[in-house]
Amino acid sequence: MSAKTYPEGEYLLTRGRYSCRTYTDEVPSAELIRKVLDGAHYAPSACNRQPWRMMLIGPDDASARKAVIDSYSRPWIAAAPYFVIVCAVDDEAWVRPADGKNHADVDVSILAEHLCLEATVNGLGTCWVCNFDPAVLAAGINFPAGVRPVVIVPVGFPAGEAPAKTRKALDDILLHP
């Protein structure tokens, strides 16, 4: 993948990643997918507890693919050759003593975004999918006890150009004490 140049003249990984909802018919190699997963699993987590699991669903995993597609009613998702279901293991997560906040979802989110960024630098497109029905997904996929799906990340070669990004101005979101 060649680096994209932005008006400032520098490449910013976070500007290169976008929510990809169109994929080519080309299937990434198992080696490339493994490379992306390996890179993602170096994500930080609270107290290095790593309370996550990733389930890889490939093009030949018909029943698991059906469960993913049935759990999220948007037709575009079926075009992605791979899905990574990023799951939380709540019992393995660090819990903040001051208020009892379990950080499993925070840690899973960090891992999922590392997955998206790792895919981007390797020429792949991804999209966060959190609007799925967990009961439908669990009816078609046997998750181990204590493992809870949090996000589905479709992965494949993007088709077409990335849409323009719109963001609030930095000064609009930057808080000051």
C-alpha atoms as a PDB file:
ATOM      1  CA  MET A   1       0.000   0.000   0.000  1.00  0.00           C
ATOM      2  CA  SER A   2       1.374   3.390  -0.866  1.00  0.00           C
ATOM      3  CA  ALA A   3       1.182   6.172   1.666  1.00  0.00           C
ATOM      4  CA  LYS A   4      -1.436   8.811   0.964  1.00  0.00           C
ATOM      5  CA  THR A   5      -0.293  12.420   1.082  1.00  0.00           C
ATOM      6  CA  TYR A   6      -2.500  14.956   2.807  1.00  0.00           C
ATOM      7  CA  PRO A   7      -2.547  18.739   2.366  1.00  0.00           C
ATOM      8  CA  GLU A   8      -0.110  19.192   5.239  1.00  0.00           C
ATOM      9  CA  GLY A   9       2.336  17.054   3.272  1.00  0.00           C
ATOM     10  CA  GLU A  10       2.517  14.236   5.798  1.00  0.00           C
ATOM     11  CA  TYR A  11       0.955  10.803   6.055  1.00  0.00           C
ATOM     12  CA  LEU A  12      -1.183  10.240   9.119  1.00  0.00           C
ATOM     13  CA  LEU A  13      -2.308   6.681   9.709  1.00  0.00           C
ATOM     14  CA  THR A  14      -5.476   7.780  11.426  1.00  0.00           C
ATOM     15  CA  ARG A  15      -6.482   9.733   8.318  1.00  0.00           C
ATOM     16  CA  GLY A  16      -5.883   6.699   6.125  1.00  0.00           C
ATOM     17  CA  ARG A  17      -8.191   4.430   8.126  1.00  0.00           C
ATOM     18  CA  TYR A  18     -11.876   4.714   7.373  1.00  0.00           C
ATOM     19  CA  SER A  19     -15.049   2.672   7.759  1.00  0.00           C
ATOM     20  CA  CYS A  20     -14.844   0.527   4.639  1.00  0.00           C
ATOM     21  CA  ARG A  21     -18.204  -0.784   3.449  1.00  0.00           C
ATOM     22  CA  THR A  22     -17.233  -1.996  -0.020  1.00  0.00           C
ATOM     23  CA  TYR A  23     -14.767  -4.799  -0.713  1.00  0.00           C
ATOM     24  CA  THR A  24     -13.240  -6.312  -3.830  1.00  0.00           C
ATOM     25  CA  ASP A  25     -13.660  -9.987  -4.687  1.00  0.00           C
ATOM     26  CA  GLU A  26      -9.968 -10.590  -3.969  1.00  0.00           C
ATOM     27  CA  VAL A  27      -9.435 -12.641  -0.812  1.00  0.00           C
ATOM     28  CA  PRO A  28      -6.437 -11.656   1.316  1.00  0.00           C
ATOM     29  CA  SER A  29      -3.977 -14.463   1.965  1.00  0.00           C
ATOM     30  CA  ALA A  30      -4.082 -16.328   5.245  1.00  0.00           C
ATOM     31  CA  GLU A  31      -0.544 -15.054   5.873  1.00  0.00           C
ATOM     32  CA  LEU A  32      -1.621 -11.436   5.494  1.00  0.00           C
ATOM     33  CA  ILE A  33      -4.581 -11.907   7.822  1.00  0.00           C
ATOM     34  CA  ARG A  34      -2.314 -13.610  10.364  1.00  0.00           C
ATOM     35  CA  LYS A  35       0.143 -10.691  10.123  1.00  0.00           C
ATOM     36  CA  VAL A  36      -2.674  -8.211  10.854  1.00  0.00           C
ATOM     37  CA  LEU A  37      -3.947 -10.252  13.811  1.00  0.00           C
ATOM     38  CA  ASP A  38      -0.436 -10.644  15.173  1.00  0.00           C
ATOM     39  CA  GLY A  39       0.202  -6.918  14.983  1.00  0.00           C
ATOM     40  CA  ALA A  40      -3.136  -6.114  16.608  1.00  0.00           C
ATOM     41  CA  HIS A  41      -2.563  -8.354  19.581  1.00  0.00           C
ATOM     42  CA  TYR A  42       0.283  -6.108  20.736  1.00  0.00           C
ATOM     43  CA  ALA A  43      -2.320  -3.530  21.755  1.00  0.00           C
ATOM     44  CA  PRO A  44      -2.014  -2.201  25.294  1.00  0.00           C
ATOM     45  CA  SER A  45      -4.508  -3.130  27.979  1.00  0.00           C
ATOM     46  CA  ALA A  46      -5.075  -2.032  31.562  1.00  0.00           C
ATOM     47  CA  CYS A  47      -2.378  -3.648  33.721  1.00  0.00           C
ATOM     48  CA  ASN A  48      -1.537  -5.814  30.677  1.00  0.00           C
ATOM     49  CA  ARG A  49      -4.403  -8.183  31.523  1.00  0.00           C
ATOM     50  CA  GLN A  50      -5.304  -8.686  27.834  1.00  0.00           C
ATOM     51  CA  PRO A  51      -8.946  -9.633  28.568  1.00  0.00           C
ATOM     52  CA  TRP A  52      -9.757 -10.307  24.949  1.00  0.00           C
ATOM     53  CA  ARG A  53     -10.162 -13.018  22.371  1.00  0.00           C
ATOM     54  CA  MET A  54     -10.362 -12.727  18.595  1.00  0.00           C
ATOM     55  CA  MET A  55     -12.416 -15.145  16.522  1.00  0.00           C
ATOM     56  CA  LEU A  56     -11.438 -15.243  12.852  1.00  0.00           C
ATOM     57  CA  ILE A  57     -14.164 -16.208  10.406  1.00  0.00           C
ATOM     58  CA  GLY A  58     -12.964 -16.827   6.879  1.00  0.00           C
ATOM     59  CA  PRO A  59     -14.532 -17.259   3.467  1.00  0.00           C
ATOM     60  CA  ASP A  60     -15.060 -21.001   3.982  1.00  0.00           C
ATOM     61  CA  ASP A  61     -16.700 -20.750   7.421  1.00  0.00           C
ATOM     62  CA  ALA A  62     -20.242 -20.857   6.023  1.00  0.00           C
ATOM     63  CA  SER A  63     -22.277 -21.304   9.204  1.00  0.00           C
ATOM     64  CA  ALA A  64     -20.281 -18.734  11.198  1.00  0.00           C
ATOM     65  CA  ARG A  65     -20.484 -16.263   8.285  1.00  0.00           C
ATOM     66  CA  LYS A  66     -24.246 -16.743   8.203  1.00  0.00           C
ATOM     67  CA  ALA A  67     -24.440 -15.992  11.932  1.00  0.00           C
ATOM     68  CA  VAL A  68     -22.499 -12.751  11.456  1.00  0.00           C
ATOM     69  CA  ILE A  69     -24.585 -11.675   8.464  1.00  0.00           C
ATOM     70  CA  ASP A  70     -27.841 -12.579  10.240  1.00  0.00           C
ATOM     71  CA  SER A  71     -26.794 -10.631  13.338  1.00  0.00           C
ATOM     72  CA  TYR A  72     -26.262  -7.408  11.388  1.00  0.00           C
ATOM     73  CA  SER A  73     -28.919  -6.509   8.854  1.00  0.00           C
ATOM     74  CA  ARG A  74     -26.842  -4.509   6.398  1.00  0.00           C
ATOM     75  CA  PRO A  75     -26.211  -6.218   3.039  1.00  0.00           C
ATOM     76  CA  TRP A  76     -22.748  -4.709   2.513  1.00  0.00           C
ATOM     77  CA  ILE A  77     -21.184  -6.831   5.259  1.00  0.00           C
ATOM     78  CA  ALA A  78     -21.582 -10.052   3.254  1.00  0.00           C
ATOM     79  CA  ALA A  79     -18.967  -8.835   0.745  1.00  0.00           C
ATOM     80  CA  ALA A  80     -16.136  -8.895   3.299  1.00  0.00           C
ATOM     81  CA  PRO A  81     -14.117 -12.106   2.980  1.00  0.00           C
ATOM     82  CA  TYR A  82     -13.105 -12.154   6.650  1.00  0.00           C
ATOM     83  CA  PHE A  83     -14.698 -11.168   9.922  1.00  0.00           C
ATOM     84  CA  VAL A  84     -12.846 -10.769  13.188  1.00  0.00           C
ATOM     85  CA  ILE A  85     -15.106 -10.914  16.213  1.00  0.00           C
ATOM     86  CA  VAL A  86     -13.330  -9.172  19.064  1.00  0.00           C
ATOM     87  CA  CYS A  87     -14.579 -10.490  22.383  1.00  0.00           C
ATOM     88  CA  ALA A  88     -14.213  -9.529  26.032  1.00  0.00           C
ATOM     89  CA  VAL A  89     -13.429 -11.817  28.937  1.00  0.00           C
ATOM     90  CA  ASP A  90     -14.771  -9.740  31.808  1.00  0.00           C
ATOM     91  CA  ASP A  91     -13.298 -11.967  34.524  1.00  0.00           C
ATOM     92  CA  GLU A  92      -9.764 -11.352  33.188  1.00  0.00           C
ATOM     93  CA  ALA A  93     -10.019  -7.551  33.034  1.00  0.00           C
ATOM     94  CA  TRP A  94      -8.528  -5.022  35.384  1.00  0.00           C
ATOM     95  CA  VAL A  95     -11.115  -3.345  37.607  1.00  0.00           C
ATOM     96  CA  ARG A  96     -10.522   0.213  38.792  1.00  0.00           C
ATOM     97  CA  PRO A  97     -10.545   0.106  42.608  1.00  0.00           C
ATOM     98  CA  ALA A  98     -12.010   3.599  43.095  1.00  0.00           C
ATOM     99  CA  ASP A  99     -15.341   2.821  41.465  1.00  0.00           C
ATOM    100  CA  GLY A 100     -15.325  -0.833  40.373  1.00  0.00           C
ATOM    101  CA  LYS A 101     -15.228  -0.021  36.630  1.00  0.00           C
ATOM    102  CA  ASN A 102     -14.355  -3.130  34.632  1.00  0.00           C
ATOM    103  CA  HIS A 103     -12.052  -2.190  31.734  1.00  0.00           C
ATOM    104  CA  ALA A 104     -12.751  -5.180  29.457  1.00  0.00           C
ATOM    105  CA  ASP A 105     -14.719  -3.109  26.912  1.00  0.00           C
ATOM    106  CA  VAL A 106     -12.058  -0.384  26.951  1.00  0.00           C
ATOM    107  CA  ASP A 107      -9.302  -2.924  26.331  1.00  0.00           C
ATOM    108  CA  VAL A 108     -11.288  -4.678  23.594  1.00  0.00           C
ATOM    109  CA  SER A 109     -11.842  -1.302  21.920  1.00  0.00           C
ATOM    110  CA  ILE A 110      -8.112  -0.610  21.951  1.00  0.00           C
ATOM    111  CA  LEU A 111      -7.420  -4.023  20.410  1.00  0.00           C
ATOM    112  CA  ALA A 112     -10.116  -3.543  17.763  1.00  0.00           C
ATOM    113  CA  GLU A 113      -8.704  -0.186  16.716  1.00  0.00           C
ATOM    114  CA  HIS A 114      -5.166  -1.619  16.589  1.00  0.00           C
ATOM    115  CA  LEU A 115      -6.635  -4.304  14.313  1.00  0.00           C
ATOM    116  CA  CYS A 116      -8.115  -1.614  12.060  1.00  0.00           C
ATOM    117  CA  LEU A 117      -4.866   0.357  11.947  1.00  0.00           C
ATOM    118  CA  GLU A 118      -2.751  -2.753  11.308  1.00  0.00           C
ATOM    119  CA  ALA A 119      -5.105  -3.699   8.476  1.00  0.00           C
ATOM    120  CA  THR A 120      -4.827  -0.190   7.013  1.00  0.00           C
ATOM    121  CA  VAL A 121      -1.027  -0.235   6.827  1.00  0.00           C
ATOM    122  CA  ASN A 122      -1.280  -3.624   5.118  1.00  0.00           C
ATOM    123  CA  GLY A 123      -3.654  -2.363   2.408  1.00  0.00           C
ATOM    124  CA  LEU A 124      -6.853  -3.775   3.887  1.00  0.00           C
ATOM    125  CA  GLY A 125     -10.136  -2.111   4.755  1.00  0.00           C
ATOM    126  CA  THR A 126     -12.140  -2.557   7.937  1.00  0.00           C
ATOM    127  CA  CYS A 127     -15.241  -1.223   9.640  1.00  0.00           C
ATOM    128  CA  TRP A 128     -16.325  -1.276  13.264  1.00  0.00           C
ATOM    129  CA  VAL A 129     -19.653  -3.067  13.649  1.00  0.00           C
ATOM    130  CA  CYS A 130     -21.168  -2.800  17.109  1.00  0.00           C
ATOM    131  CA  ASN A 131     -24.810  -2.645  16.014  1.00  0.00           C
ATOM    132  CA  PHE A 132     -25.260  -6.404  15.837  1.00  0.00           C
ATOM    133  CA  ASP A 133     -27.648  -8.662  17.724  1.00  0.00           C
ATOM    134  CA  PRO A 134     -25.536 -10.649  20.215  1.00  0.00           C
ATOM    135  CA  ALA A 135     -28.275 -13.271  20.705  1.00  0.00           C
ATOM    136  CA  VAL A 136     -28.476 -13.973  16.960  1.00  0.00           C
ATOM    137  CA  LEU A 137     -24.682 -14.141  16.753  1.00  0.00           C
ATOM    138  CA  ALA A 138     -24.460 -16.508  19.738  1.00  0.00           C
ATOM    139  CA  ALA A 139     -27.198 -18.717  18.281  1.00  0.00           C
ATOM    140  CA  GLY A 140     -24.968 -19.422  15.282  1.00  0.00           C
ATOM    141  CA  ILE A 141     -21.532 -19.366  16.926  1.00  0.00           C
ATOM    142  CA  ASN A 142     -20.556 -21.272  20.026  1.00  0.00           C
ATOM    143  CA  PHE A 143     -18.555 -18.797  22.117  1.00  0.00           C
ATOM    144  CA  PRO A 144     -16.649 -20.253  25.079  1.00  0.00           C
ATOM    145  CA  ALA A 145     -18.101 -19.590  28.523  1.00  0.00           C
ATOM    146  CA  GLY A 146     -17.227 -16.119  29.761  1.00  0.00           C
ATOM    147  CA  VAL A 147     -16.332 -14.845  26.273  1.00  0.00           C
ATOM    148  CA  ARG A 148     -18.597 -12.002  25.136  1.00  0.00           C
ATOM    149  CA  PRO A 149     -18.589 -10.590  21.582  1.00  0.00           C
ATOM    150  CA  VAL A 150     -18.185  -6.812  21.558  1.00  0.00           C
ATOM    151  CA  VAL A 151     -17.336  -5.795  18.000  1.00  0.00           C
ATOM    152  CA  ILE A 152     -17.347  -7.401  14.561  1.00  0.00           C
ATOM    153  CA  VAL A 153     -14.615  -6.157  12.222  1.00  0.00           C
ATOM    154  CA  PRO A 154     -15.087  -7.066   8.543  1.00  0.00           C
ATOM    155  CA  VAL A 155     -11.719  -7.265   6.756  1.00  0.00           C
ATOM    156  CA  GLY A 156     -10.894  -7.272   3.046  1.00  0.00           C
ATOM    157  CA  PHE A 157      -9.385  -5.307   0.201  1.00  0.00           C
ATOM    158  CA  PRO A 158     -11.278  -2.033  -0.158  1.00  0.00           C
ATOM    159  CA  ALA A 159     -13.112  -1.298  -3.399  1.00  0.00           C
ATOM    160  CA  GLY A 160     -13.163   2.294  -4.558  1.00  0.00           C
ATOM    161  CA  GLU A 161     -11.860   5.391  -2.876  1.00  0.00           C
ATOM    162  CA  ALA A 162     -12.157   6.336   0.755  1.00  0.00           C
ATOM    163  CA  PRO A 163     -14.921   8.841   1.415  1.00  0.00           C
ATOM    164  CA  ALA A 164     -13.969  12.303   2.641  1.00  0.00           C
ATOM    165  CA  LYS A 165     -13.703  12.531   6.410  1.00  0.00           C
ATOM    166  CA  THR A 166     -15.574  15.150   8.343  1.00  0.00           C
ATOM    167  CA  ARG A 167     -14.596  15.908  11.883  1.00  0.00           C
ATOM    168  CA  LYS A 168     -15.380  18.617  14.367  1.00  0.00           C
ATOM    169  CA  ALA A 169     -12.629  21.211  14.664  1.00  0.00           C
ATOM    170  CA  LEU A 170     -10.020  20.289  17.252  1.00  0.00           C
ATOM    171  CA  ASP A 171     -10.787  23.439  19.201  1.00  0.00           C
ATOM    172  CA  ASP A 172     -14.431  22.351  19.419  1.00  0.00           C
ATOM    173  CA  ILE A 173     -13.554  19.153  21.264  1.00  0.00           C
ATOM    174  CA  LEU A 174     -10.484  20.194  23.247  1.00  0.00           C
ATOM    175  CA  LEU A 175     -11.328  20.821  26.880  1.00  0.00           C
ATOM    176  CA  HIS A 176      -9.296  23.073  29.135  1.00  0.00           C
ATOM    177  CA  PRO A 177      -9.096  22.950  32.936  1.00  0.00           C
END
